[in-house]
Amino acid sequence: MSSRPQEPDRAASEPVEPVAEGAVRPPRGDLPQPGPPPRPEAANDEPGPDAAGPTPAEDEYTTAIQDELEDRWRRALADLDNLRKRHARELERERTVERSRTAAAFLPVLDNLELALTHAGADPGAIVEGVRAVRDQAVNVLELLGYPRHAETGVAFDPARHEVVGVVQDPDAPPGTVVEVLRPGYGDGERQLRPAAVTVAKRE
């Protein structure tokens, strides 16, 4: 059995060149040449589409919108403050006009009272009639202002218009009716100045 002659090892047969001390041996041609290591930041050199910042035109547009909104907000606050002040002035003016109108309506009542006091020594009976007339005039003024007088007896007790100050036994009056008015009431409902103070017949 014959054997093929073995080929000599090329690496072993190639002459080895001497290398000086401290020198780097050049790489062999049959081995892959190592390249420079990749930079860690190489993958991030080109930012993606989402990483791009706003353009100068977008910044200018956003700033303009913010300025306009802030200007509108300040104008709205100023208008609201002016409206509040104007409403307060108008309300105070209406109150002043109403007070003046009410006071002017009572001036004739005061004039008649002073006239009755001037003639107090002449005729006492006339004074009584004069005071009664002045009282009726004042009642009429209150009614014109929207506050009618309530001093009726014999009517059914109404908790919205009457205030019970006493309960009496009266066989001539039906139970629960007003027997006597001790203090007249003025006004109705939400415009009521005060209820009438009354005594009521006792219920059996």
Protein backbone atom coordinates (compact mmCIF):
# COMPACT_ATOMS: atom_id res chain seq x y z
CA MET A 1 0.00 0.00 0.00
CA SER A 2 1.54 3.18 -1.19
CA SER A 3 1.09 6.52 0.55
CA ARG A 4 0.93 10.00 -1.07
CA PRO A 5 3.71 12.25 -0.12
CA GLN A 6 2.50 14.92 2.27
CA GLU A 7 2.65 18.51 1.04
CA PRO A 8 4.87 20.61 3.12
CA ASP A 9 3.21 23.19 5.32
CA ARG A 10 3.31 26.55 3.51
CA ALA A 11 3.47 28.43 6.72
CA ALA A 12 6.29 26.28 7.91
CA SER A 13 8.13 26.42 4.62
CA GLU A 14 7.94 30.19 4.21
CA PRO A 15 11.01 31.90 5.43
CA VAL A 16 10.60 33.87 8.58
CA GLU A 17 11.93 37.34 8.39
CA PRO A 18 13.60 38.58 11.47
CA VAL A 19 11.74 41.31 13.34
CA ALA A 20 13.53 43.94 15.19
CA GLU A 21 12.85 44.31 18.88
CA GLY A 22 9.94 46.64 19.57
CA ALA A 23 8.67 46.54 15.95
CA VAL A 24 5.17 45.33 14.98
CA ARG A 25 4.96 42.38 12.70
CA PRO A 26 2.86 43.15 9.56
CA PRO A 27 -0.32 41.07 9.26
CA ARG A 28 -0.34 38.06 7.14
CA GLY A 29 -2.09 38.35 3.81
CA ASP A 30 -4.25 35.24 4.32
CA LEU A 31 -5.84 36.50 7.60
CA PRO A 32 -8.72 39.02 7.79
CA GLN A 33 -7.50 42.47 8.52
CA PRO A 34 -9.07 43.99 11.64
CA GLY A 35 -10.69 47.34 10.96
CA PRO A 36 -11.01 50.27 13.37
CA PRO A 37 -13.65 49.69 16.11
CA PRO A 38 -16.97 51.38 15.40
CA ARG A 39 -17.66 54.56 17.32
CA PRO A 40 -20.46 54.19 19.90
CA GLU A 41 -22.07 57.38 18.74
CA ALA A 42 -22.03 56.37 15.07
CA ALA A 43 -25.58 54.98 15.28
CA ASN A 44 -26.85 58.24 16.62
CA ASP A 45 -25.11 60.54 14.18
CA GLU A 46 -28.28 60.98 12.10
CA PRO A 47 -31.36 61.87 14.18
CA GLY A 48 -34.69 60.32 13.26
CA PRO A 49 -37.65 62.26 11.97
CA ASP A 50 -39.16 62.51 15.48
CA ALA A 51 -35.95 63.88 16.96
CA ALA A 52 -35.94 66.92 14.73
CA GLY A 53 -36.80 70.14 16.62
CA PRO A 54 -39.32 72.75 15.50
CA THR A 55 -38.38 74.90 12.63
CA PRO A 56 -37.93 78.65 13.08
CA ALA A 57 -41.22 79.24 11.24
CA GLU A 58 -43.08 76.99 13.68
CA ASP A 59 -41.49 78.76 16.68
CA GLU A 60 -42.51 82.14 15.29
CA TYR A 61 -46.09 80.95 14.65
CA THR A 62 -46.42 79.47 18.16
CA THR A 63 -45.11 82.66 19.76
CA ALA A 64 -47.56 84.76 17.76
CA ILE A 65 -50.49 82.56 18.83
CA GLN A 66 -49.45 82.75 22.49
CA ASP A 67 -49.12 86.54 22.32
CA GLU A 68 -52.55 86.87 20.71
CA LEU A 69 -54.21 84.60 23.30
CA GLU A 70 -52.58 86.48 26.16
CA ASP A 71 -53.68 89.81 24.68
CA ARG A 72 -57.28 88.57 24.34
CA TRP A 73 -57.22 87.26 27.92
CA ARG A 74 -56.02 90.61 29.26
CA ARG A 75 -58.66 92.47 27.23
CA ALA A 76 -61.38 90.13 28.55
CA LEU A 77 -60.28 90.77 32.14
CA ALA A 78 -60.27 94.51 31.56
CA ASP A 79 -63.74 94.41 29.97
CA LEU A 80 -65.09 92.33 32.85
CA ASP A 81 -63.67 94.74 35.42
CA ASN A 82 -65.13 97.73 33.58
CA LEU A 83 -68.52 96.00 33.37
CA ARG A 84 -68.47 95.28 37.11
CA LYS A 85 -67.63 98.89 37.94
CA ARG A 86 -70.27 100.24 35.57
CA HIS A 87 -72.91 97.91 37.05
CA ALA A 88 -71.99 99.03 40.58
CA ARG A 89 -72.30 102.69 39.57
CA GLU A 90 -75.67 102.12 37.89
CA LEU A 91 -76.96 100.18 40.89
CA GLU A 92 -75.92 102.93 43.30
CA ARG A 93 -77.51 105.54 41.03
CA GLU A 94 -80.79 103.58 40.98
CA ARG A 95 -80.75 103.30 44.76
CA THR A 96 -80.18 107.03 45.09
CA VAL A 97 -83.05 107.81 42.72
CA GLU A 98 -85.37 105.42 44.58
CA ARG A 99 -84.49 106.90 47.97
CA SER A 100 -85.05 110.40 46.65
CA ARG A 101 -88.41 109.42 45.17
CA THR A 102 -89.55 107.85 48.44
CA ALA A 103 -88.41 110.81 50.53
CA ALA A 104 -90.12 113.23 48.16
CA ALA A 105 -93.38 111.26 48.47
CA PHE A 106 -93.34 111.78 52.25
CA LEU A 107 -92.62 115.50 52.16
CA PRO A 108 -96.36 116.43 52.00
CA VAL A 109 -96.97 114.22 55.04
CA LEU A 110 -94.36 116.14 57.00
CA ASP A 111 -95.79 119.44 55.82
CA ASN A 112 -99.28 118.49 57.06
CA LEU A 113 -97.90 117.32 60.41
CA GLU A 114 -96.16 120.63 60.91
CA LEU A 115 -99.37 122.43 59.94
CA ALA A 116 -101.34 120.42 62.50
CA LEU A 117 -98.81 121.25 65.20
CA THR A 118 -99.02 124.94 64.33
CA HIS A 119 -102.78 124.93 65.03
CA ALA A 120 -102.54 122.70 68.09
CA GLY A 121 -103.68 125.42 70.50
CA ALA A 122 -106.72 126.53 68.50
CA ASP A 123 -109.03 123.51 68.53
CA PRO A 124 -108.02 120.12 70.02
CA GLY A 125 -110.76 118.38 68.07
CA ALA A 126 -109.43 119.78 64.82
CA ILE A 127 -105.95 118.50 65.76
CA VAL A 128 -107.26 114.96 66.06
CA GLU A 129 -108.96 115.18 62.69
CA GLY A 130 -105.83 116.68 61.19
CA VAL A 131 -103.59 113.93 62.56
CA ARG A 132 -106.00 111.30 61.24
CA ALA A 133 -105.93 112.93 57.82
CA VAL A 134 -102.13 112.96 57.86
CA ARG A 135 -102.11 109.27 58.84
CA ASP A 136 -104.37 108.45 55.90
CA GLN A 137 -102.11 110.42 53.62
CA ALA A 138 -99.05 108.47 54.78
CA VAL A 139 -100.90 105.19 54.28
CA ASN A 140 -101.77 106.26 50.75
CA VAL A 141 -98.12 107.10 50.04
CA LEU A 142 -97.02 103.62 51.17
CA GLU A 143 -99.68 102.04 48.98
CA LEU A 144 -98.49 104.03 45.98
CA LEU A 145 -94.96 102.77 46.69
CA GLY A 146 -96.27 99.20 46.58
CA TYR A 147 -96.86 98.51 50.28
CA PRO A 148 -100.63 98.42 50.98
CA ARG A 149 -101.87 98.49 54.58
CA HIS A 150 -103.47 95.40 56.18
CA ALA A 151 -105.55 95.98 59.30
CA GLU A 152 -108.70 93.95 58.58
CA THR A 153 -110.58 92.05 61.28
CA GLY A 154 -112.95 89.12 60.80
CA VAL A 155 -110.75 87.58 58.10
CA ALA A 156 -109.22 84.12 58.27
CA PHE A 157 -105.78 83.93 59.82
CA ASP A 158 -103.05 83.86 57.14
CA PRO A 159 -99.54 83.01 58.39
CA ALA A 160 -98.07 84.83 55.40
CA ARG A 161 -99.74 88.12 56.38
CA HIS A 162 -100.44 87.81 60.11
CA GLU A 163 -98.35 87.36 63.23
CA VAL A 164 -100.25 85.91 66.19
CA VAL A 165 -99.59 87.74 69.46
CA GLY A 166 -102.54 86.36 71.35
CA VAL A 167 -105.42 83.86 71.27
CA VAL A 168 -108.77 84.85 72.76
CA GLN A 169 -112.09 83.18 73.40
CA ASP A 170 -114.72 84.98 71.30
CA PRO A 171 -118.10 83.26 70.83
CA ASP A 172 -119.06 85.76 68.12
CA ALA A 173 -116.02 85.05 65.91
CA PRO A 174 -115.40 81.80 64.03
CA PRO A 175 -112.34 79.90 65.27
CA GLY A 176 -109.12 80.87 63.52
CA THR A 177 -110.26 84.34 62.47
CA VAL A 178 -108.62 87.68 63.26
CA VAL A 179 -110.37 89.36 66.19
CA GLU A 180 -108.18 92.43 66.70
CA VAL A 181 -105.29 94.09 64.89
CA LEU A 182 -102.70 95.43 67.33
CA ARG A 183 -100.26 96.62 64.68
CA PRO A 184 -101.07 96.99 60.97
CA GLY A 185 -99.06 95.17 58.37
CA TYR A 186 -97.75 96.59 55.12
CA GLY A 187 -96.95 94.89 51.83
CA ASP A 188 -97.60 91.48 50.32
CA GLY A 189 -95.44 88.50 49.49
CA GLU A 190 -91.84 89.35 48.70
CA ARG A 191 -92.64 93.07 49.04
CA GLN A 192 -93.89 92.74 52.59
CA LEU A 193 -92.45 95.26 55.02
CA ARG A 194 -93.92 93.50 58.05
CA PRO A 195 -96.89 91.24 58.91
CA ALA A 196 -99.85 92.46 60.93
CA ALA A 197 -99.75 91.66 64.65
CA VAL A 198 -103.18 90.20 65.51
CA THR A 199 -105.15 88.24 68.07
CA VAL A 200 -106.99 85.18 66.80
CA ALA A 201 -110.16 83.45 68.01
CA LYS A 202 -109.43 80.23 69.83
CA ARG A 203 -110.15 76.97 68.07
CA GLU A 204 -112.40 74.52 69.94
